[in-house]
């Protein structure tokens, strides 16, 4: 059994808990991308996932270094940035796929 030091374990647990909030968005993103590719539309997924990636990078740069809260610092900040990026991508996909 592998054991992690407490200074690594707690941030990892926070990361997984926050990312779990984004799992439904990740499933919807995968389905929407597959639907677009099935319709031979490669542009929409490229634009949506590209925008999500940019939002994720901006979120990482903004949230990872925030020291005022343990929920917005380090791994938790990265988790929030990814989750928010995925949720924004779902909203954009839903808007574009009407």
N, C-alpha and C. Protein backbone atom coordinates (compact mmCIF):
# COMPACT_ATOMS: atom_id res chain seq x y z
N UNK A 1 0.86 -1.18 0.00
CA UNK A 1 0.00 0.00 0.00
C UNK A 1 0.90 1.24 0.00
N UNK A 2 0.56 2.17 -0.86
CA UNK A 2 1.31 3.41 -0.95
C UNK A 2 0.68 4.43 0.00
N UNK A 3 1.50 5.04 0.79
CA UNK A 3 1.00 6.08 1.69
C UNK A 3 1.57 7.41 1.27
N UNK A 4 0.74 8.43 1.34
CA UNK A 4 1.16 9.78 0.96
C UNK A 4 1.34 10.61 2.23
N UNK A 5 2.31 11.50 2.21
CA UNK A 5 2.47 12.38 3.36
C UNK A 5 1.24 13.28 3.51
N UNK A 6 0.91 13.69 4.74
CA UNK A 6 -0.28 14.52 4.96
C UNK A 6 -0.28 15.81 4.16
N UNK A 7 0.91 16.39 3.92
CA UNK A 7 0.95 17.65 3.18
C UNK A 7 0.60 17.45 1.70
N UNK A 8 0.61 16.23 1.22
CA UNK A 8 0.22 15.93 -0.15
C UNK A 8 -1.19 15.35 -0.18
N UNK A 9 -1.54 14.56 0.81
CA UNK A 9 -2.82 13.85 0.81
C UNK A 9 -4.00 14.81 0.89
N UNK A 10 -3.97 15.79 1.79
CA UNK A 10 -5.11 16.70 1.95
C UNK A 10 -5.38 17.51 0.67
N UNK A 11 -4.37 18.12 0.04
CA UNK A 11 -4.65 18.82 -1.22
C UNK A 11 -5.16 17.88 -2.32
N UNK A 12 -4.68 16.65 -2.33
CA UNK A 12 -5.14 15.70 -3.33
C UNK A 12 -6.62 15.36 -3.12
N UNK A 13 -7.02 15.18 -1.89
CA UNK A 13 -8.43 14.91 -1.59
C UNK A 13 -9.30 16.10 -1.99
N UNK A 14 -8.85 17.32 -1.68
CA UNK A 14 -9.59 18.51 -2.09
C UNK A 14 -9.71 18.57 -3.61
N UNK A 15 -8.62 18.29 -4.31
CA UNK A 15 -8.64 18.30 -5.78
C UNK A 15 -9.70 17.34 -6.32
N UNK A 16 -9.69 16.11 -5.81
CA UNK A 16 -10.63 15.10 -6.31
C UNK A 16 -12.07 15.50 -5.98
N UNK A 17 -12.30 16.04 -4.80
CA UNK A 17 -13.67 16.45 -4.43
C UNK A 17 -14.17 17.56 -5.34
N UNK A 18 -13.32 18.54 -5.62
CA UNK A 18 -13.73 19.65 -6.48
C UNK A 18 -13.93 19.16 -7.92
N UNK A 19 -13.01 18.34 -8.40
CA UNK A 19 -13.11 17.83 -9.77
C UNK A 19 -14.34 16.93 -9.95
N UNK A 20 -14.77 16.29 -8.87
CA UNK A 20 -15.97 15.45 -8.96
C UNK A 20 -17.19 16.29 -9.35
N UNK A 21 -17.19 17.56 -8.98
CA UNK A 21 -18.29 18.44 -9.38
C UNK A 21 -18.33 18.63 -10.90
N UNK A 22 -17.21 18.46 -11.55
CA UNK A 22 -17.14 18.64 -12.99
C UNK A 22 -17.32 17.36 -13.79
N UNK A 23 -17.48 16.22 -13.14
CA UNK A 23 -17.62 14.97 -13.87
C UNK A 23 -18.85 14.96 -14.80
N UNK A 24 -20.01 15.46 -14.37
CA UNK A 24 -21.14 15.51 -15.31
C UNK A 24 -20.82 16.38 -16.53
N UNK A 25 -20.13 17.49 -16.32
CA UNK A 25 -19.77 18.35 -17.44
C UNK A 25 -18.82 17.62 -18.38
N UNK A 26 -17.88 16.87 -17.84
CA UNK A 26 -16.95 16.11 -18.67
C UNK A 26 -17.69 15.07 -19.51
N UNK A 27 -18.68 14.43 -18.93
CA UNK A 27 -19.47 13.43 -19.68
C UNK A 27 -20.25 14.10 -20.81
N UNK A 28 -20.84 15.25 -20.51
CA UNK A 28 -21.60 15.97 -21.54
C UNK A 28 -20.66 16.45 -22.64
N UNK A 29 -19.48 16.92 -22.25
CA UNK A 29 -18.51 17.38 -23.26
C UNK A 29 -18.11 16.24 -24.19
N UNK A 30 -17.85 15.09 -23.62
CA UNK A 30 -17.48 13.95 -24.45
C UNK A 30 -18.59 13.56 -25.42
N UNK A 31 -19.83 13.59 -24.94
CA UNK A 31 -20.97 13.25 -25.78
C UNK A 31 -21.19 14.29 -26.87
N UNK A 32 -21.08 15.56 -26.50
CA UNK A 32 -21.28 16.63 -27.49
C UNK A 32 -20.19 16.58 -28.55
N UNK A 33 -18.97 16.35 -28.13
CA UNK A 33 -17.88 16.25 -29.09
C UNK A 33 -18.11 15.07 -30.03
N UNK A 34 -18.50 13.94 -29.49
CA UNK A 34 -18.76 12.76 -30.32
C UNK A 34 -19.90 13.02 -31.29
N UNK A 35 -20.94 13.71 -30.83
CA UNK A 35 -22.07 14.03 -31.72
C UNK A 35 -21.61 14.92 -32.87
N UNK A 36 -20.81 15.92 -32.55
CA UNK A 36 -20.30 16.81 -33.60
C UNK A 36 -19.43 16.05 -34.59
N UNK A 37 -18.55 15.21 -34.08
CA UNK A 37 -17.69 14.44 -34.97
C UNK A 37 -18.50 13.47 -35.82
N UNK A 38 -19.57 12.92 -35.25
CA UNK A 38 -20.46 12.04 -36.02
C UNK A 38 -21.16 12.77 -37.14
N UNK A 39 -21.40 14.07 -36.93
CA UNK A 39 -22.01 14.91 -37.97
C UNK A 39 -20.96 15.52 -38.89
N UNK A 40 -19.73 15.10 -38.72
CA UNK A 40 -18.58 15.59 -39.51
C UNK A 40 -18.34 17.08 -39.28
N UNK A 41 -18.62 17.53 -38.07
CA UNK A 41 -18.34 18.90 -37.67
C UNK A 41 -17.14 18.88 -36.72
N UNK A 42 -16.01 19.22 -37.24
CA UNK A 42 -14.81 19.26 -36.40
C UNK A 42 -14.51 20.65 -35.88
N UNK A 43 -15.14 21.65 -36.46
CA UNK A 43 -14.86 23.04 -36.08
C UNK A 43 -15.45 23.39 -34.73
N UNK A 44 -16.69 23.01 -34.48
CA UNK A 44 -17.35 23.37 -33.22
C UNK A 44 -16.60 22.80 -32.01
N UNK A 45 -16.26 21.50 -31.99
CA UNK A 45 -15.50 21.01 -30.83
C UNK A 45 -14.15 21.70 -30.68
N UNK A 46 -13.50 21.98 -31.79
CA UNK A 46 -12.21 22.66 -31.74
C UNK A 46 -12.34 24.02 -31.07
N UNK A 47 -13.34 24.78 -31.48
CA UNK A 47 -13.54 26.12 -30.90
C UNK A 47 -13.95 26.06 -29.44
N UNK A 48 -14.88 25.17 -29.12
CA UNK A 48 -15.38 25.08 -27.74
C UNK A 48 -14.28 24.59 -26.80
N UNK A 49 -13.60 23.53 -27.17
CA UNK A 49 -12.57 22.98 -26.29
C UNK A 49 -11.34 23.89 -26.25
N UNK A 50 -11.08 24.62 -27.33
CA UNK A 50 -10.01 25.62 -27.30
C UNK A 50 -10.33 26.75 -26.34
N UNK A 51 -11.58 27.22 -26.36
CA UNK A 51 -12.00 28.27 -25.43
C UNK A 51 -11.94 27.77 -23.99
N UNK A 52 -12.32 26.51 -23.77
CA UNK A 52 -12.25 25.94 -22.41
C UNK A 52 -10.81 25.85 -21.95
N UNK A 53 -9.92 25.50 -22.84
CA UNK A 53 -8.50 25.39 -22.48
C UNK A 53 -7.93 26.76 -22.10
N UNK A 54 -8.30 27.79 -22.86
CA UNK A 54 -7.83 29.15 -22.55
C UNK A 54 -8.38 29.58 -21.20
N UNK A 55 -9.67 29.33 -20.96
CA UNK A 55 -10.27 29.68 -19.67
C UNK A 55 -9.59 28.92 -18.54
N UNK A 56 -9.25 27.67 -18.76
CA UNK A 56 -8.57 26.86 -17.76
C UNK A 56 -7.19 27.45 -17.43
N UNK A 57 -6.45 27.85 -18.45
CA UNK A 57 -5.11 28.43 -18.21
C UNK A 57 -5.23 29.74 -17.44
N UNK A 58 -6.17 30.58 -17.84
CA UNK A 58 -6.37 31.85 -17.13
C UNK A 58 -6.80 31.58 -15.69
N UNK A 59 -7.68 30.61 -15.51
CA UNK A 59 -8.11 30.24 -14.16
C UNK A 59 -6.97 29.69 -13.32
N UNK A 60 -6.13 28.87 -13.93
CA UNK A 60 -4.96 28.35 -13.22
C UNK A 60 -4.06 29.49 -12.77
N UNK A 61 -3.79 30.41 -13.67
CA UNK A 61 -2.91 31.53 -13.32
C UNK A 61 -3.53 32.42 -12.25
N UNK A 62 -4.85 32.50 -12.23
CA UNK A 62 -5.54 33.35 -11.26
C UNK A 62 -5.76 32.68 -9.91
N UNK A 63 -6.07 31.39 -9.92
CA UNK A 63 -6.50 30.71 -8.70
C UNK A 63 -5.43 29.91 -7.98
N UNK A 64 -4.45 29.44 -8.70
CA UNK A 64 -3.46 28.58 -8.05
C UNK A 64 -2.62 29.33 -7.04
N UNK A 65 -2.33 30.57 -7.30
CA UNK A 65 -1.47 31.34 -6.39
C UNK A 65 -2.19 32.09 -5.30
N UNK A 66 -3.52 32.02 -5.24
CA UNK A 66 -4.28 32.74 -4.22
C UNK A 66 -4.02 32.09 -2.86
N UNK A 67 -3.58 32.87 -1.89
CA UNK A 67 -3.22 32.30 -0.59
C UNK A 67 -4.24 32.59 0.49
N UNK A 68 -5.33 33.26 0.16
CA UNK A 68 -6.28 33.65 1.20
C UNK A 68 -7.16 32.48 1.66
N UNK A 69 -7.24 31.41 0.90
CA UNK A 69 -8.12 30.30 1.25
C UNK A 69 -7.50 28.98 0.83
N UNK A 70 -7.65 27.95 1.66
CA UNK A 70 -7.13 26.64 1.29
C UNK A 70 -7.94 26.02 0.16
N UNK A 71 -9.14 26.55 -0.10
CA UNK A 71 -9.97 26.03 -1.18
C UNK A 71 -9.65 26.70 -2.52
N UNK A 72 -8.80 27.73 -2.51
CA UNK A 72 -8.42 28.38 -3.75
C UNK A 72 -6.91 28.47 -3.91
N UNK A 73 -6.18 27.55 -3.32
CA UNK A 73 -4.74 27.60 -3.39
C UNK A 73 -4.20 26.28 -3.90
N UNK A 74 -3.21 26.35 -4.76
CA UNK A 74 -2.55 25.14 -5.22
C UNK A 74 -3.46 24.21 -5.98
N UNK A 75 -3.51 22.96 -5.55
CA UNK A 75 -4.28 21.95 -6.26
C UNK A 75 -5.77 22.28 -6.31
N UNK A 76 -6.31 22.85 -5.25
CA UNK A 76 -7.73 23.20 -5.24
C UNK A 76 -8.02 24.29 -6.28
N UNK A 77 -7.14 25.26 -6.41
CA UNK A 77 -7.31 26.30 -7.42
C UNK A 77 -7.28 25.72 -8.82
N UNK A 78 -6.38 24.78 -9.06
CA UNK A 78 -6.31 24.12 -10.37
C UNK A 78 -7.58 23.33 -10.64
N UNK A 79 -8.11 22.67 -9.61
CA UNK A 79 -9.35 21.91 -9.77
C UNK A 79 -10.52 22.82 -10.11
N UNK A 80 -10.62 23.95 -9.41
CA UNK A 80 -11.69 24.91 -9.71
C UNK A 80 -11.56 25.44 -11.12
N UNK A 81 -10.36 25.77 -11.55
CA UNK A 81 -10.15 26.30 -12.89
C UNK A 81 -10.61 25.30 -13.95
N UNK A 82 -10.27 24.03 -13.77
CA UNK A 82 -10.65 23.00 -14.73
C UNK A 82 -12.16 22.78 -14.71
N UNK A 83 -12.74 22.72 -13.53
CA UNK A 83 -14.18 22.51 -13.42
C UNK A 83 -14.97 23.65 -14.04
N UNK A 84 -14.56 24.87 -13.77
CA UNK A 84 -15.24 26.05 -14.34
C UNK A 84 -15.08 26.06 -15.86
N UNK A 85 -13.88 25.73 -16.34
CA UNK A 85 -13.67 25.67 -17.78
C UNK A 85 -14.57 24.64 -18.45
N UNK A 86 -14.72 23.48 -17.83
CA UNK A 86 -15.58 22.45 -18.40
C UNK A 86 -17.05 22.88 -18.39
N UNK A 87 -17.49 23.49 -17.31
CA UNK A 87 -18.88 23.94 -17.24
C UNK A 87 -19.16 25.03 -18.26
N UNK A 88 -18.21 25.93 -18.45
CA UNK A 88 -18.36 26.96 -19.47
C UNK A 88 -18.41 26.34 -20.86
N UNK A 89 -17.60 25.31 -21.09
CA UNK A 89 -17.62 24.63 -22.39
C UNK A 89 -18.96 23.96 -22.65
N UNK A 90 -19.54 23.37 -21.62
CA UNK A 90 -20.87 22.76 -21.78
C UNK A 90 -21.89 23.82 -22.16
N UNK A 91 -21.85 24.96 -21.47
CA UNK A 91 -22.78 26.05 -21.79
C UNK A 91 -22.60 26.51 -23.24
N UNK A 92 -21.35 26.64 -23.67
CA UNK A 92 -21.08 27.06 -25.04
C UNK A 92 -21.54 26.01 -26.04
N UNK A 93 -21.29 24.74 -25.77
CA UNK A 93 -21.78 23.67 -26.65
C UNK A 93 -23.30 23.72 -26.76
N UNK A 94 -23.98 23.85 -25.63
CA UNK A 94 -25.44 23.88 -25.66
C UNK A 94 -25.96 25.06 -26.45
N UNK A 95 -25.26 26.17 -26.36
CA UNK A 95 -25.66 27.36 -27.11
C UNK A 95 -25.45 27.14 -28.62
N UNK A 96 -24.33 26.54 -28.97
CA UNK A 96 -24.00 26.37 -30.39
C UNK A 96 -24.74 25.22 -31.04
N UNK A 97 -25.18 24.24 -30.28
CA UNK A 97 -25.83 23.06 -30.85
C UNK A 97 -27.34 23.11 -30.82
N UNK A 98 -27.91 24.28 -30.76
CA UNK A 98 -29.38 24.39 -30.75
C UNK A 98 -29.97 23.88 -32.04
